[in-house]
C-alpha atoms as a PDB file:
ATOM      1  CA  MET A   1       5.975 -25.337 -13.931  1.00  0.00           C
ATOM      2  CA  GLN A   2       6.704 -26.110 -10.285  1.00  0.00           C
ATOM      3  CA  LYS A   3       6.666 -23.217  -7.833  1.00  0.00           C
ATOM      4  CA  LYS A   4      10.151 -22.514  -6.488  1.00  0.00           C
ATOM      5  CA  PRO A   5      10.269 -22.201  -2.687  1.00  0.00           C
ATOM      6  CA  LEU A   6      11.516 -18.809  -1.530  1.00  0.00           C
ATOM      7  CA  ASP A   7      12.378 -19.761   2.072  1.00  0.00           C
ATOM      8  CA  ASN A   8      16.082 -20.182   1.341  1.00  0.00           C
ATOM      9  CA  ALA A   9      16.454 -18.006  -1.752  1.00  0.00           C
ATOM     10  CA  PRO A  10      19.641 -15.908  -1.808  1.00  0.00           C
ATOM     11  CA  CYS A  11      17.586 -12.687  -1.895  1.00  0.00           C
ATOM     12  CA  PRO A  12      16.403 -11.232   1.450  1.00  0.00           C
ATOM     13  CA  ILE A  13      13.315  -9.809  -0.285  1.00  0.00           C
ATOM     14  CA  ALA A  14      12.352 -13.278  -1.529  1.00  0.00           C
ATOM     15  CA  ARG A  15      12.982 -14.800   1.913  1.00  0.00           C
ATOM     16  CA  SER A  16      10.810 -12.136   3.521  1.00  0.00           C
ATOM     17  CA  LEU A  17       8.010 -12.722   1.020  1.00  0.00           C
ATOM     18  CA  ALA A  18       8.113 -16.430   1.854  1.00  0.00           C
ATOM     19  CA  ARG A  19       7.100 -15.428   5.383  1.00  0.00           C
ATOM     20  CA  VAL A  20       4.654 -12.559   4.843  1.00  0.00           C
ATOM     21  CA  GLY A  21       4.077 -12.234   1.091  1.00  0.00           C
ATOM     22  CA  GLU A  22       0.652 -13.847   1.029  1.00  0.00           C
ATOM     23  CA  PRO A  23      -1.949 -11.037   1.359  1.00  0.00           C
ATOM     24  CA  TRP A  24      -3.860 -12.650   4.238  1.00  0.00           C
ATOM     25  CA  SER A  25      -0.656 -12.843   6.287  1.00  0.00           C
ATOM     26  CA  ILE A  26      -0.025  -9.122   5.962  1.00  0.00           C
ATOM     27  CA  LEU A  27      -3.657  -8.352   6.785  1.00  0.00           C
ATOM     28  CA  ILE A  28      -3.493 -10.580   9.883  1.00  0.00           C
ATOM     29  CA  LEU A  29      -0.372  -8.704  10.993  1.00  0.00           C
ATOM     30  CA  ARG A  30      -2.184  -5.416  10.342  1.00  0.00           C
ATOM     31  CA  GLU A  31      -5.043  -6.512  12.590  1.00  0.00           C
ATOM     32  CA  ALA A  32      -2.555  -7.600  15.266  1.00  0.00           C
ATOM     33  CA  PHE A  33      -1.042  -4.100  15.144  1.00  0.00           C
ATOM     34  CA  TYR A  34      -4.574  -2.711  15.522  1.00  0.00           C
ATOM     35  CA  GLY A  35      -5.050  -4.828  18.650  1.00  0.00           C
ATOM     36  CA  ALA A  36      -6.690  -8.069  17.475  1.00  0.00           C
ATOM     37  CA  SER A  37      -5.327 -11.149  19.207  1.00  0.00           C
ATOM     38  CA  ARG A  38      -8.011 -13.826  19.160  1.00  0.00           C
ATOM     39  CA  PHE A  39      -9.086 -16.093  16.324  1.00  0.00           C
ATOM     40  CA  ASP A  40     -12.624 -14.695  16.356  1.00  0.00           C
ATOM     41  CA  ASP A  41     -11.286 -11.116  16.246  1.00  0.00           C
ATOM     42  CA  PHE A  42      -9.200 -11.832  13.154  1.00  0.00           C
ATOM     43  CA  GLN A  43     -12.035 -13.699  11.461  1.00  0.00           C
ATOM     44  CA  LYS A  44     -14.577 -10.956  12.207  1.00  0.00           C
ATOM     45  CA  GLN A  45     -12.306  -8.112  11.070  1.00  0.00           C
ATOM     46  CA  LEU A  46     -11.063  -9.826   7.919  1.00  0.00           C
ATOM     47  CA  GLY A  47     -13.971 -12.002   6.816  1.00  0.00           C
ATOM     48  CA  ILE A  48     -11.480 -14.796   6.159  1.00  0.00           C
ATOM     49  CA  ALA A  49     -12.500 -18.473   6.049  1.00  0.00           C
ATOM     50  CA  PRO A  50     -11.658 -20.269   9.325  1.00  0.00           C
ATOM     51  CA  ASN A  51      -9.469 -22.906   7.643  1.00  0.00           C
ATOM     52  CA  MET A  52      -7.484 -20.221   5.777  1.00  0.00           C
ATOM     53  CA  LEU A  53      -7.085 -18.165   8.963  1.00  0.00           C
ATOM     54  CA  ALA A  54      -5.893 -21.218  10.898  1.00  0.00           C
ATOM     55  CA  ARG A  55      -3.250 -21.960   8.230  1.00  0.00           C
ATOM     56  CA  ARG A  56      -2.024 -18.364   8.096  1.00  0.00           C
ATOM     57  CA  LEU A  57      -1.849 -18.079  11.892  1.00  0.00           C
ATOM     58  CA  GLU A  58       0.085 -21.358  12.013  1.00  0.00           C
ATOM     59  CA  THR A  59       2.581 -20.005   9.470  1.00  0.00           C
ATOM     60  CA  LEU A  60       2.985 -16.683  11.287  1.00  0.00           C
ATOM     61  CA  VAL A  61       3.595 -18.556  14.564  1.00  0.00           C
ATOM     62  CA  ARG A  62       6.077 -20.950  12.896  1.00  0.00           C
ATOM     63  CA  GLU A  63       7.963 -17.980  11.411  1.00  0.00           C
ATOM     64  CA  ASP A  64       8.045 -16.284  14.855  1.00  0.00           C
ATOM     65  CA  LEU A  65       5.986 -13.256  13.808  1.00  0.00           C
ATOM     66  CA  LEU A  66       3.168 -14.164  16.205  1.00  0.00           C
ATOM     67  CA  GLU A  67       3.205 -16.068  19.488  1.00  0.00           C
ATOM     68  CA  ARG A  68       0.349 -18.474  20.274  1.00  0.00           C
ATOM     69  CA  ARG A  69      -0.590 -18.201  23.950  1.00  0.00           C
ATOM     70  CA  GLN A  70      -3.365 -20.042  25.789  1.00  0.00           C
ATOM     71  CA  TYR A  71      -5.758 -17.727  27.629  1.00  0.00           C
ATOM     72  CA  CYS A  72      -8.487 -20.240  28.599  1.00  0.00           C
ATOM     73  CA  GLU A  73      -8.140 -23.867  29.676  1.00  0.00           C
ATOM     74  CA  ARG A  74     -11.740 -25.060  29.272  1.00  0.00           C
ATOM     75  CA  PRO A  75     -12.385 -24.995  26.477  1.00  0.00           C
ATOM     76  CA  PRO A  76      -8.804 -24.443  25.312  1.00  0.00           C
ATOM     77  CA  ARG A  77      -8.579 -20.998  23.707  1.00  0.00           C
ATOM     78  CA  PHE A  78      -5.554 -19.213  22.329  1.00  0.00           C
ATOM     79  CA  GLU A  79      -4.547 -15.685  21.460  1.00  0.00           C
ATOM     80  CA  TYR A  80      -1.947 -14.585  18.949  1.00  0.00           C
ATOM     81  CA  LEU A  81       0.433 -11.823  19.975  1.00  0.00           C
ATOM     82  CA  LEU A  82       3.106 -10.028  17.996  1.00  0.00           C
ATOM     83  CA  THR A  83       6.634 -11.192  18.746  1.00  0.00           C
ATOM     84  CA  ALA A  84       9.684  -8.921  18.555  1.00  0.00           C
ATOM     85  CA  ARG A  85      10.134 -10.077  14.944  1.00  0.00           C
ATOM     86  CA  GLY A  86       6.483  -9.313  14.230  1.00  0.00           C
ATOM     87  CA  ARG A  87       6.766  -5.835  15.777  1.00  0.00           C
ATOM     88  CA  GLU A  88       9.801  -5.173  13.565  1.00  0.00           C
ATOM     89  CA  PHE A  89       7.447  -5.524  10.577  1.00  0.00           C
ATOM     90  CA  ARG A  90       5.693  -2.275  11.626  1.00  0.00           C
ATOM     91  CA  PRO A  91       7.839   0.050   9.460  1.00  0.00           C
ATOM     92  CA  VAL A  92       7.045  -2.113   6.421  1.00  0.00           C
ATOM     93  CA  MET A  93       3.323  -1.810   7.227  1.00  0.00           C
ATOM     94  CA  LEU A  94       3.591   1.963   7.599  1.00  0.00           C
ATOM     95  CA  VAL A  95       5.392   2.342   4.275  1.00  0.00           C
ATOM     96  CA  LEU A  96       2.728   0.130   2.610  1.00  0.00           C
ATOM     97  CA  LEU A  97       0.049   2.319   4.187  1.00  0.00           C
ATOM     98  CA  ALA A  98       1.626   5.515   2.831  1.00  0.00           C
ATOM     99  CA  TRP A  99       2.249   3.986  -0.611  1.00  0.00           C
ATOM    100  CA  GLY A 100      -1.330   2.712  -0.799  1.00  0.00           C
ATOM    101  CA  ASN A 101      -2.690   6.117   0.232  1.00  0.00           C
ATOM    102  CA  ARG A 102      -0.549   7.846  -2.375  1.00  0.00           C
ATOM    103  CA  HIS A 103      -1.319   5.538  -5.299  1.00  0.00           C
ATOM    104  CA  PHE A 104      -4.525   3.611  -4.656  1.00  0.00           C
ATOM    105  CA  SER A 105      -6.861   5.868  -2.672  1.00  0.00           C
ATOM    106  CA  PRO A 106      -8.623   8.124  -5.198  1.00  0.00           C
ATOM    107  CA  GLU A 107     -11.446   8.642  -2.681  1.00  0.00           C
ATOM    108  CA  GLY A 108      -8.978   9.934  -0.088  1.00  0.00           C
ATOM    109  CA  GLU A 109      -7.077   8.430   2.817  1.00  0.00           C
ATOM    110  CA  SER A 110      -9.094   6.088   5.033  1.00  0.00           C
ATOM    111  CA  VAL A 111      -6.172   5.597   7.440  1.00  0.00           C
ATOM    112  CA  GLN A 112      -3.435   8.105   8.242  1.00  0.00           C
ATOM    113  CA  LEU A 113      -0.230   8.010  10.247  1.00  0.00           C
ATOM    114  CA  VAL A 114      -0.166  10.845  12.783  1.00  0.00           C
ATOM    115  CA  ASP A 115       2.209  12.158  15.423  1.00  0.00           C
ATOM    116  CA  ARG A 116       0.897  11.019  18.848  1.00  0.00           C
ATOM    117  CA  HIS A 117       1.804  14.338  20.471  1.00  0.00           C
ATOM    118  CA  THR A 118       0.743  16.891  17.863  1.00  0.00           C
ATOM    119  CA  GLY A 119      -1.852  15.018  15.827  1.00  0.00           C
ATOM    120  CA  ALA A 120      -0.079  16.162  12.662  1.00  0.00           C
ATOM    121  CA  THR A 121      -0.180  13.785   9.695  1.00  0.00           C
ATOM    122  CA  VAL A 122       3.262  12.340   8.977  1.00  0.00           C
ATOM    123  CA  THR A 123       4.785  10.546   6.000  1.00  0.00           C
ATOM    124  CA  PRO A 124       7.221   7.708   6.702  1.00  0.00           C
ATOM    125  CA  VAL A 125      10.574   7.777   4.918  1.00  0.00           C
ATOM    126  CA  LEU A 126      13.514   5.404   5.037  1.00  0.00           C
ATOM    127  CA  VAL A 127      16.625   6.886   6.596  1.00  0.00           C
ATOM    128  CA  ASP A 128      20.118   5.608   7.232  1.00  0.00           C
ATOM    129  CA  ALA A 129      20.264   4.771  10.943  1.00  0.00           C
ATOM    130  CA  ALA A 130      23.897   5.942  11.150  1.00  0.00           C
ATOM    131  CA  THR A 131      23.515   9.340   9.461  1.00  0.00           C
ATOM    132  CA  GLY A 132      19.796  10.079   9.585  1.00  0.00           C
ATOM    133  CA  HIS A 133      19.909  10.926   5.874  1.00  0.00           C
ATOM    134  CA  PRO A 134      16.977   9.779   3.710  1.00  0.00           C
ATOM    135  CA  ILE A 135      17.696   6.743   1.564  1.00  0.00           C
ATOM    136  CA  THR A 136      17.220   7.799  -2.054  1.00  0.00           C
ATOM    137  CA  GLU A 137      17.722   6.161  -5.427  1.00  0.00           C
ATOM    138  CA  ALA A 138      20.207   8.884  -6.351  1.00  0.00           C
ATOM    139  CA  ASP A 139      22.408   8.347  -3.292  1.00  0.00           C
ATOM    140  CA  HIS A 140      22.067   4.652  -2.461  1.00  0.00           C
ATOM    141  CA  MET A 141      22.354   1.309  -4.220  1.00  0.00           C
ATOM    142  CA  VAL A 142      22.395  -2.367  -3.387  1.00  0.00           C
ATOM    143  CA  MET A 143      25.682  -4.218  -3.443  1.00  0.00           C
ATOM    144  CA  PRO A 144      26.560  -7.861  -2.992  1.00  0.00           C
ATOM    145  CA  GLY A 145      26.933  -8.807   0.650  1.00  0.00           C
ATOM    146  CA  PRO A 146      29.511 -11.190   2.085  1.00  0.00           C
ATOM    147  CA  ALA A 147      27.227 -14.207   1.515  1.00  0.00           C
ATOM    148  CA  ALA A 148      26.335 -13.291  -2.096  1.00  0.00           C
ATOM    149  CA  SER A 149      26.779 -16.014  -4.683  1.00  0.00           C
ATOM    150  CA  GLU A 150      28.804 -15.419  -7.841  1.00  0.00           C
ATOM    151  CA  ARG A 151      25.523 -15.421  -9.782  1.00  0.00           C
ATOM    152  CA  LEU A 152      24.102 -12.634  -7.598  1.00  0.00           C
ATOM    153  CA  ARG A 153      27.367 -10.668  -7.824  1.00  0.00           C
ATOM    154  CA  ALA A 154      27.224 -10.895 -11.629  1.00  0.00           C
ATOM    155  CA  LYS A 155      23.558  -9.874 -11.668  1.00  0.00           C
ATOM    156  CA  LEU A 156      24.181  -6.797  -9.513  1.00  0.00           C
ATOM    157  CA  HIS A 157      27.271  -5.889 -11.552  1.00  0.00           C
ATOM    158  CA  LYS A 158      25.178  -6.108 -14.747  1.00  0.00           C
ATOM    159  CA  SER A 159      22.477  -3.953 -13.123  1.00  0.00           C
ATOM    160  CA  ALA A 160      25.085  -1.360 -12.137  1.00  0.00           C
ATOM    161  CA  ALA A 161      26.447  -1.306 -15.701  1.00  0.00           C
ATOM    162  CA  ALA A 162      22.945  -0.702 -17.090  1.00  0.00           C
ATOM    163  CA  CYS A 163      22.398   2.108 -14.565  1.00  0.00           C
ATOM    164  CA  ALA A 164      25.747   3.651 -15.449  1.00  0.00           C
ATOM    165  CA  ALA A 165      24.881   3.619 -19.152  1.00  0.00           C
ATOM    166  CA  ALA A 166      21.524   5.280 -18.460  1.00  0.00           C
ATOM    167  CA  THR A 167      22.980   7.915 -16.112  1.00  0.00           C
ATOM    168  CA  PRO A 168      26.631   8.506 -17.095  1.00  0.00           C
ATOM    169  CA  ASN A 169      27.263  11.363 -14.617  1.00  0.00           C
ATOM    170  CA  VAL A 170      26.339   9.288 -11.549  1.00  0.00           C
ATOM    171  CA  PRO A 171      28.781   6.767 -10.029  1.00  0.00           C
ATOM    172  CA  HIS A 172      27.395   3.197  -9.907  1.00  0.00           C
ATOM    173  CA  ALA A 173      28.963   0.178  -8.266  1.00  0.00           C
ATOM    174  CA  ALA A 174      25.979  -2.152  -7.991  1.00  0.00           C
ATOM    175  CA  GLY A 175      22.260  -2.373  -8.611  1.00  0.00           C
ATOM    176  CA  HIS A 176      19.353  -0.048  -8.083  1.00  0.00           C
ATOM    177  CA  ILE A 177      16.510  -0.771  -5.738  1.00  0.00           C
END
């Protein structure tokens, strides 16, 4: 079976995974958030093979998550810096960090998110930017957007119908996520 490219899939989750879904890519972005910027830094921190690192960096640059900038002319050397698009991935990283701590850290948290001013440990949550209310499964659902295909509209309608059957006292217009 041939692998279907996700770059232009109708789903924004699939399109995002086409850019950052490979584990090394996310780990490279993590290291960039931690301050790594040079090839040797990434390789040392991750223990990744040089050819694999070069491919992943090339992809992250092509997708405008990292910028490749020359810092030495002789020999030519480059650093890789987060772009605005790359910095916008930070909330995703923080939610992955919290989820991993909650579900896959039986030995305890090795990394924590803390308030810079108080030092208190914090837990990231998704909130609606307009209201500040937390986004919850009970109060929010996905709906077809203006560019949704008929197939996607039917899929989300079917998902909403299944949700409505499972929880008859809750209004449903589209799918759960």
